[in-house]
Amino acid sequence: MMGKIRSKNAEADDEFSFLTSHAFVLIQIARNPRATLREIAHETQLTERTVYKIVRDLETAGYIVKHRDGRRNSYSINENVLLSHRLFGSLTVAQLADALGSLTTAPQGRGALGEVERGFAS
């Protein structure tokens, strides 16, 4: 069995990321809906201002819903919203966030990517 291989530029800070910042924020919201923007920024290594803009984008697009909890906001994924690209077919935002989030938490040797592929085939 082959070991895991990092991309050639995995260490470079100025290189692009395979996933967008929007995807990273969406995954963090799926993992921890009560996280503050500061906590999301810390986890995604983005600035709070950038996270704020991304959360607004996601909310405007209908992918997430903001809830007011006292003085704090919490966020939830609007589970039934379909991704807005024909490539994704009937894949929902919740399915994508769940599949991408499971890639980072899957036990070694288990093919979490298969979950993503099944989601695209739906």
N, C-alpha and C. Protein backbone atom coordinates (compact mmCIF):
# COMPACT_ATOMS: atom_id res chain seq x y z
N MET A 1 0.84 -1.17 0.00
CA MET A 1 0.00 0.00 0.00
C MET A 1 0.89 1.24 0.00
N MET A 2 0.52 2.21 -0.82
CA MET A 2 1.31 3.44 -0.92
C MET A 2 1.04 4.36 0.26
N GLY A 3 2.07 5.06 0.67
CA GLY A 3 1.91 6.05 1.72
C GLY A 3 1.32 7.33 1.15
N LYS A 4 0.93 8.24 2.02
CA LYS A 4 0.37 9.51 1.58
C LYS A 4 1.48 10.41 1.07
N ILE A 5 1.18 11.15 0.01
CA ILE A 5 2.15 12.04 -0.60
C ILE A 5 1.60 13.46 -0.55
N ARG A 6 2.41 14.40 -0.09
CA ARG A 6 2.01 15.81 -0.07
C ARG A 6 2.28 16.41 -1.45
N SER A 7 1.49 17.42 -1.80
CA SER A 7 1.75 18.11 -3.05
C SER A 7 3.11 18.80 -2.96
N LYS A 8 3.69 19.12 -4.09
CA LYS A 8 5.02 19.71 -4.12
C LYS A 8 5.08 21.02 -3.35
N ASN A 9 4.00 21.79 -3.37
CA ASN A 9 3.99 23.10 -2.74
C ASN A 9 3.19 23.13 -1.45
N ALA A 10 3.09 22.02 -0.76
CA ALA A 10 2.26 21.95 0.45
C ALA A 10 2.76 22.89 1.54
N GLU A 11 4.03 23.21 1.53
CA GLU A 11 4.60 24.06 2.57
C GLU A 11 4.52 25.55 2.23
N ALA A 12 4.30 25.89 0.98
CA ALA A 12 4.32 27.29 0.56
C ALA A 12 3.05 28.00 1.00
N ASP A 13 3.23 29.14 1.69
CA ASP A 13 2.09 29.90 2.18
C ASP A 13 1.41 30.71 1.08
N ASP A 14 2.13 31.05 0.02
CA ASP A 14 1.58 31.93 -1.01
C ASP A 14 0.93 31.16 -2.16
N GLU A 15 0.83 29.87 -2.06
CA GLU A 15 0.22 29.06 -3.11
C GLU A 15 -1.29 28.96 -2.89
N PHE A 16 -2.00 28.61 -3.94
CA PHE A 16 -3.45 28.46 -3.82
C PHE A 16 -3.78 27.21 -3.02
N SER A 17 -5.00 27.16 -2.54
CA SER A 17 -5.50 25.99 -1.84
C SER A 17 -6.46 25.27 -2.77
N PHE A 18 -6.52 23.98 -2.67
CA PHE A 18 -7.41 23.21 -3.53
C PHE A 18 -8.86 23.60 -3.30
N LEU A 19 -9.22 23.82 -2.06
CA LEU A 19 -10.58 24.26 -1.72
C LEU A 19 -10.56 25.77 -1.49
N THR A 20 -11.70 26.40 -1.70
CA THR A 20 -11.78 27.84 -1.49
C THR A 20 -11.96 28.15 -0.01
N SER A 21 -11.75 29.40 0.33
CA SER A 21 -11.99 29.85 1.70
C SER A 21 -13.46 29.66 2.07
N HIS A 22 -14.35 29.83 1.11
CA HIS A 22 -15.77 29.62 1.36
C HIS A 22 -16.03 28.18 1.81
N ALA A 23 -15.36 27.24 1.17
CA ALA A 23 -15.52 25.83 1.55
C ALA A 23 -14.99 25.58 2.96
N PHE A 24 -13.86 26.18 3.29
CA PHE A 24 -13.30 26.00 4.63
C PHE A 24 -14.24 26.54 5.70
N VAL A 25 -14.81 27.72 5.46
CA VAL A 25 -15.74 28.30 6.42
C VAL A 25 -17.00 27.45 6.53
N LEU A 26 -17.51 26.98 5.42
CA LEU A 26 -18.70 26.12 5.44
C LEU A 26 -18.45 24.85 6.24
N ILE A 27 -17.30 24.25 6.08
CA ILE A 27 -16.95 23.04 6.83
C ILE A 27 -16.89 23.34 8.32
N GLN A 28 -16.28 24.47 8.69
CA GLN A 28 -16.19 24.83 10.11
C GLN A 28 -17.57 25.07 10.71
N ILE A 29 -18.47 25.70 9.95
CA ILE A 29 -19.83 25.92 10.44
C ILE A 29 -20.54 24.59 10.60
N ALA A 30 -20.34 23.67 9.69
CA ALA A 30 -20.95 22.35 9.81
C ALA A 30 -20.43 21.62 11.04
N ARG A 31 -19.16 21.75 11.33
CA ARG A 31 -18.55 21.09 12.49
C ARG A 31 -18.96 21.70 13.81
N ASN A 32 -19.05 23.04 13.83
CA ASN A 32 -19.33 23.73 15.09
C ASN A 32 -20.22 24.95 14.83
N PRO A 33 -21.53 24.75 14.78
CA PRO A 33 -22.45 25.85 14.47
C PRO A 33 -22.40 27.00 15.49
N ARG A 34 -21.92 26.75 16.69
CA ARG A 34 -21.87 27.81 17.72
C ARG A 34 -20.53 28.55 17.72
N ALA A 35 -19.65 28.22 16.80
CA ALA A 35 -18.35 28.89 16.76
C ALA A 35 -18.52 30.36 16.42
N THR A 36 -17.71 31.19 17.05
CA THR A 36 -17.72 32.62 16.74
C THR A 36 -16.92 32.84 15.46
N LEU A 37 -17.08 34.02 14.87
CA LEU A 37 -16.31 34.35 13.68
C LEU A 37 -14.81 34.30 13.99
N ARG A 38 -14.44 34.72 15.19
CA ARG A 38 -13.03 34.67 15.61
C ARG A 38 -12.53 33.22 15.64
N GLU A 39 -13.34 32.32 16.18
CA GLU A 39 -12.94 30.90 16.23
C GLU A 39 -12.84 30.31 14.83
N ILE A 40 -13.78 30.66 13.97
CA ILE A 40 -13.74 30.17 12.59
C ILE A 40 -12.49 30.71 11.90
N ALA A 41 -12.18 32.00 12.13
CA ALA A 41 -10.99 32.60 11.54
C ALA A 41 -9.73 31.88 12.00
N HIS A 42 -9.68 31.57 13.29
CA HIS A 42 -8.51 30.87 13.83
C HIS A 42 -8.36 29.49 13.19
N GLU A 43 -9.44 28.75 13.09
CA GLU A 43 -9.40 27.39 12.54
C GLU A 43 -9.06 27.37 11.05
N THR A 44 -9.53 28.38 10.32
CA THR A 44 -9.31 28.41 8.88
C THR A 44 -8.08 29.20 8.47
N GLN A 45 -7.45 29.86 9.44
CA GLN A 45 -6.29 30.71 9.21
C GLN A 45 -6.62 31.87 8.26
N LEU A 46 -7.83 32.39 8.41
CA LEU A 46 -8.27 33.57 7.68
C LEU A 46 -8.44 34.70 8.67
N THR A 47 -8.55 35.94 8.17
CA THR A 47 -8.81 37.05 9.07
C THR A 47 -10.29 37.06 9.44
N GLU A 48 -10.60 37.69 10.57
CA GLU A 48 -12.00 37.80 10.98
C GLU A 48 -12.81 38.56 9.95
N ARG A 49 -12.24 39.57 9.37
CA ARG A 49 -12.93 40.35 8.35
C ARG A 49 -13.28 39.49 7.13
N THR A 50 -12.34 38.66 6.71
CA THR A 50 -12.58 37.76 5.58
C THR A 50 -13.67 36.76 5.92
N VAL A 51 -13.62 36.20 7.12
CA VAL A 51 -14.65 35.24 7.54
C VAL A 51 -16.01 35.92 7.58
N TYR A 52 -16.06 37.15 8.07
CA TYR A 52 -17.31 37.90 8.12
C TYR A 52 -17.89 38.04 6.70
N LYS A 53 -17.06 38.41 5.74
CA LYS A 53 -17.52 38.56 4.35
C LYS A 53 -18.00 37.23 3.78
N ILE A 54 -17.27 36.17 4.06
CA ILE A 54 -17.64 34.85 3.55
C ILE A 54 -18.96 34.39 4.16
N VAL A 55 -19.13 34.59 5.46
CA VAL A 55 -20.38 34.22 6.13
C VAL A 55 -21.54 34.99 5.51
N ARG A 56 -21.33 36.27 5.24
CA ARG A 56 -22.39 37.06 4.58
C ARG A 56 -22.70 36.51 3.20
N ASP A 57 -21.65 36.15 2.43
CA ASP A 57 -21.85 35.55 1.10
C ASP A 57 -22.67 34.27 1.20
N LEU A 58 -22.28 33.39 2.14
CA LEU A 58 -22.97 32.11 2.30
C LEU A 58 -24.41 32.31 2.74
N GLU A 59 -24.63 33.30 3.60
CA GLU A 59 -25.99 33.59 4.06
C GLU A 59 -26.84 34.17 2.93
N THR A 60 -26.28 35.09 2.18
CA THR A 60 -26.99 35.71 1.05
C THR A 60 -27.36 34.67 0.00
N ALA A 61 -26.46 33.72 -0.24
CA ALA A 61 -26.71 32.67 -1.23
C ALA A 61 -27.69 31.62 -0.71
N GLY A 62 -28.01 31.67 0.58
CA GLY A 62 -28.96 30.72 1.16
C GLY A 62 -28.34 29.42 1.64
N TYR A 63 -27.00 29.33 1.65
CA TYR A 63 -26.33 28.11 2.08
C TYR A 63 -26.34 27.93 3.59
N ILE A 64 -26.33 29.05 4.32
CA ILE A 64 -26.38 28.98 5.78
C ILE A 64 -27.45 29.92 6.30
N VAL A 65 -27.86 29.70 7.54
CA VAL A 65 -28.84 30.54 8.21
C VAL A 65 -28.23 31.03 9.51
N LYS A 66 -28.37 32.33 9.78
CA LYS A 66 -27.84 32.91 11.01
C LYS A 66 -28.94 32.92 12.06
N HIS A 67 -28.60 32.52 13.28
CA HIS A 67 -29.53 32.51 14.41
C HIS A 67 -28.94 33.40 15.51
N ARG A 68 -29.79 34.15 16.14
CA ARG A 68 -29.34 35.01 17.24
C ARG A 68 -29.52 34.26 18.55
N ASP A 69 -28.44 34.06 19.32
CA ASP A 69 -28.47 33.40 20.61
C ASP A 69 -27.99 34.40 21.67
N GLY A 70 -28.90 35.19 22.21
CA GLY A 70 -28.49 36.22 23.17
C GLY A 70 -27.64 37.26 22.47
N ARG A 71 -26.40 37.39 22.92
CA ARG A 71 -25.49 38.35 22.31
C ARG A 71 -24.65 37.73 21.20
N ARG A 72 -24.80 36.45 20.99
CA ARG A 72 -23.98 35.74 20.00
C ARG A 72 -24.82 35.31 18.81
N ASN A 73 -24.15 35.07 17.73
CA ASN A 73 -24.78 34.47 16.56
C ASN A 73 -24.34 33.03 16.46
N SER A 74 -25.21 32.20 15.98
CA SER A 74 -24.83 30.84 15.62
C SER A 74 -25.31 30.63 14.19
N TYR A 75 -24.77 29.63 13.55
CA TYR A 75 -25.06 29.43 12.14
C TYR A 75 -25.40 27.97 11.92
N SER A 76 -26.27 27.72 10.96
CA SER A 76 -26.57 26.35 10.59
C SER A 76 -26.60 26.26 9.07
N ILE A 77 -26.29 25.09 8.58
CA ILE A 77 -26.31 24.87 7.14
C ILE A 77 -27.75 24.64 6.72
N ASN A 78 -28.15 25.29 5.66
CA ASN A 78 -29.47 25.09 5.09
C ASN A 78 -29.40 23.79 4.29
N GLU A 79 -29.74 22.70 4.93
CA GLU A 79 -29.44 21.36 4.44
C GLU A 79 -30.03 21.00 3.08
N ASN A 80 -31.11 21.60 2.70
CA ASN A 80 -31.77 21.19 1.46
C ASN A 80 -31.43 22.04 0.24
N VAL A 81 -30.55 23.02 0.40
CA VAL A 81 -30.18 23.87 -0.72
C VAL A 81 -29.24 23.10 -1.64
N LEU A 82 -29.59 23.08 -2.92
CA LEU A 82 -28.74 22.42 -3.91
C LEU A 82 -27.58 23.34 -4.29
N LEU A 83 -26.43 22.74 -4.57
CA LEU A 83 -25.31 23.53 -5.04
C LEU A 83 -25.66 24.13 -6.39
N SER A 84 -25.20 25.33 -6.63
CA SER A 84 -25.67 26.07 -7.81
C SER A 84 -24.79 25.88 -9.04
N HIS A 85 -24.33 24.69 -9.27
CA HIS A 85 -23.57 24.40 -10.49
C HIS A 85 -24.06 23.08 -11.05
N ARG A 86 -24.24 23.04 -12.36
CA ARG A 86 -24.81 21.84 -12.99
C ARG A 86 -23.94 20.59 -12.79
N LEU A 87 -22.66 20.78 -12.57
CA LEU A 87 -21.75 19.67 -12.33
C LEU A 87 -22.15 18.85 -11.11
N PHE A 88 -22.73 19.52 -10.11
CA PHE A 88 -23.06 18.86 -8.86
C PHE A 88 -24.41 18.16 -8.87
N GLY A 89 -25.22 18.37 -9.89
CA GLY A 89 -26.51 17.68 -9.97
C GLY A 89 -27.38 17.99 -8.77
N SER A 90 -27.79 16.95 -8.06
CA SER A 90 -28.69 17.12 -6.92
C SER A 90 -27.96 17.07 -5.58
N LEU A 91 -26.69 17.40 -5.58
CA LEU A 91 -25.89 17.41 -4.35
C LEU A 91 -26.25 18.65 -3.53
N THR A 92 -26.58 18.42 -2.26
CA THR A 92 -26.93 19.55 -1.40
C THR A 92 -25.69 20.08 -0.69
N VAL A 93 -25.82 21.28 -0.17
CA VAL A 93 -24.74 21.91 0.58
C VAL A 93 -24.37 21.05 1.79
N ALA A 94 -25.37 20.52 2.46
CA ALA A 94 -25.12 19.68 3.65
C ALA A 94 -24.33 18.43 3.28
N GLN A 95 -24.67 17.80 2.17
CA GLN A 95 -23.95 16.60 1.74
C GLN A 95 -22.49 16.93 1.44
N LEU A 96 -22.28 18.05 0.76
CA LEU A 96 -20.90 18.44 0.43
C LEU A 96 -20.10 18.74 1.69
N ALA A 97 -20.67 19.53 2.59
CA ALA A 97 -19.96 19.89 3.83
C ALA A 97 -19.67 18.64 4.65
N ASP A 98 -20.62 17.73 4.72
CA ASP A 98 -20.42 16.49 5.47
C ASP A 98 -19.30 15.66 4.85
N ALA A 99 -19.33 15.53 3.54
CA ALA A 99 -18.31 14.72 2.86
C ALA A 99 -16.93 15.35 2.99
N LEU A 100 -16.82 16.65 2.79
CA LEU A 100 -15.52 17.31 2.91
C LEU A 100 -15.03 17.28 4.34
N GLY A 101 -15.91 17.49 5.29
CA GLY A 101 -15.52 17.43 6.70
C GLY A 101 -15.06 16.06 7.11
N SER A 102 -15.67 15.02 6.54
CA SER A 102 -15.28 13.66 6.92
C SER A 102 -13.93 13.27 6.33
N LEU A 103 -13.50 13.95 5.28
CA LEU A 103 -12.19 13.65 4.71
C LEU A 103 -11.07 13.92 5.71
N THR A 104 -11.26 14.93 6.54
CA THR A 104 -10.20 15.28 7.49
C THR A 104 -10.30 14.49 8.78
N THR A 105 -11.42 13.79 8.99
CA THR A 105 -11.58 13.05 10.23
C THR A 105 -11.66 11.54 10.00
N ALA A 106 -11.53 11.10 8.74
CA ALA A 106 -11.64 9.67 8.44
C ALA A 106 -10.44 8.92 9.01
N PRO A 107 -10.68 7.74 9.60
CA PRO A 107 -9.57 6.93 10.09
C PRO A 107 -8.65 6.54 8.93
N GLN A 108 -7.37 6.40 9.23
CA GLN A 108 -6.40 6.05 8.20
C GLN A 108 -6.78 4.71 7.57
N GLY A 109 -6.65 4.66 6.24
CA GLY A 109 -6.95 3.42 5.53
C GLY A 109 -8.39 3.33 5.08
N ARG A 110 -9.24 4.26 5.53
CA ARG A 110 -10.64 4.25 5.14
C ARG A 110 -10.84 5.27 4.04
N GLY A 111 -11.50 4.91 3.00
CA GLY A 111 -11.67 5.79 1.86
C GLY A 111 -12.83 6.75 2.01
N ALA A 112 -12.63 7.84 2.70
CA ALA A 112 -13.69 8.83 2.86
C ALA A 112 -14.01 9.50 1.53
N LEU A 113 -13.08 9.48 0.59
CA LEU A 113 -13.34 10.08 -0.70
C LEU A 113 -14.51 9.39 -1.39
N GLY A 114 -14.71 8.13 -1.13
CA GLY A 114 -15.83 7.40 -1.70
C GLY A 114 -17.16 8.04 -1.33
N GLU A 115 -17.23 8.66 -0.13
CA GLU A 115 -18.46 9.34 0.28
C GLU A 115 -18.72 10.54 -0.60
N VAL A 116 -17.66 11.25 -0.98
CA VAL A 116 -17.83 12.39 -1.86
C VAL A 116 -18.29 11.91 -3.22
N GLU A 117 -17.68 10.85 -3.73
CA GLU A 117 -18.04 10.35 -5.04
C GLU A 117 -19.49 9.86 -5.08
N ARG A 118 -19.95 9.21 -4.02
CA ARG A 118 -21.34 8.77 -3.97
C ARG A 118 -22.28 9.97 -3.98
N GLY A 119 -21.90 11.04 -3.29
CA GLY A 119 -22.72 12.24 -3.27
C GLY A 119 -22.87 12.86 -4.64
N PHE A 120 -21.81 12.83 -5.44
CA PHE A 120 -21.86 13.40 -6.77
C PHE A 120 -22.71 12.53 -7.69
N ALA A 121 -22.77 11.26 -7.43
CA ALA A 121 -23.51 10.34 -8.30
C ALA A 121 -25.01 10.39 -8.05
N SER A 122 -25.44 11.00 -6.95
CA SER A 122 -26.86 11.03 -6.61
C SER A 122 -27.69 11.65 -7.68
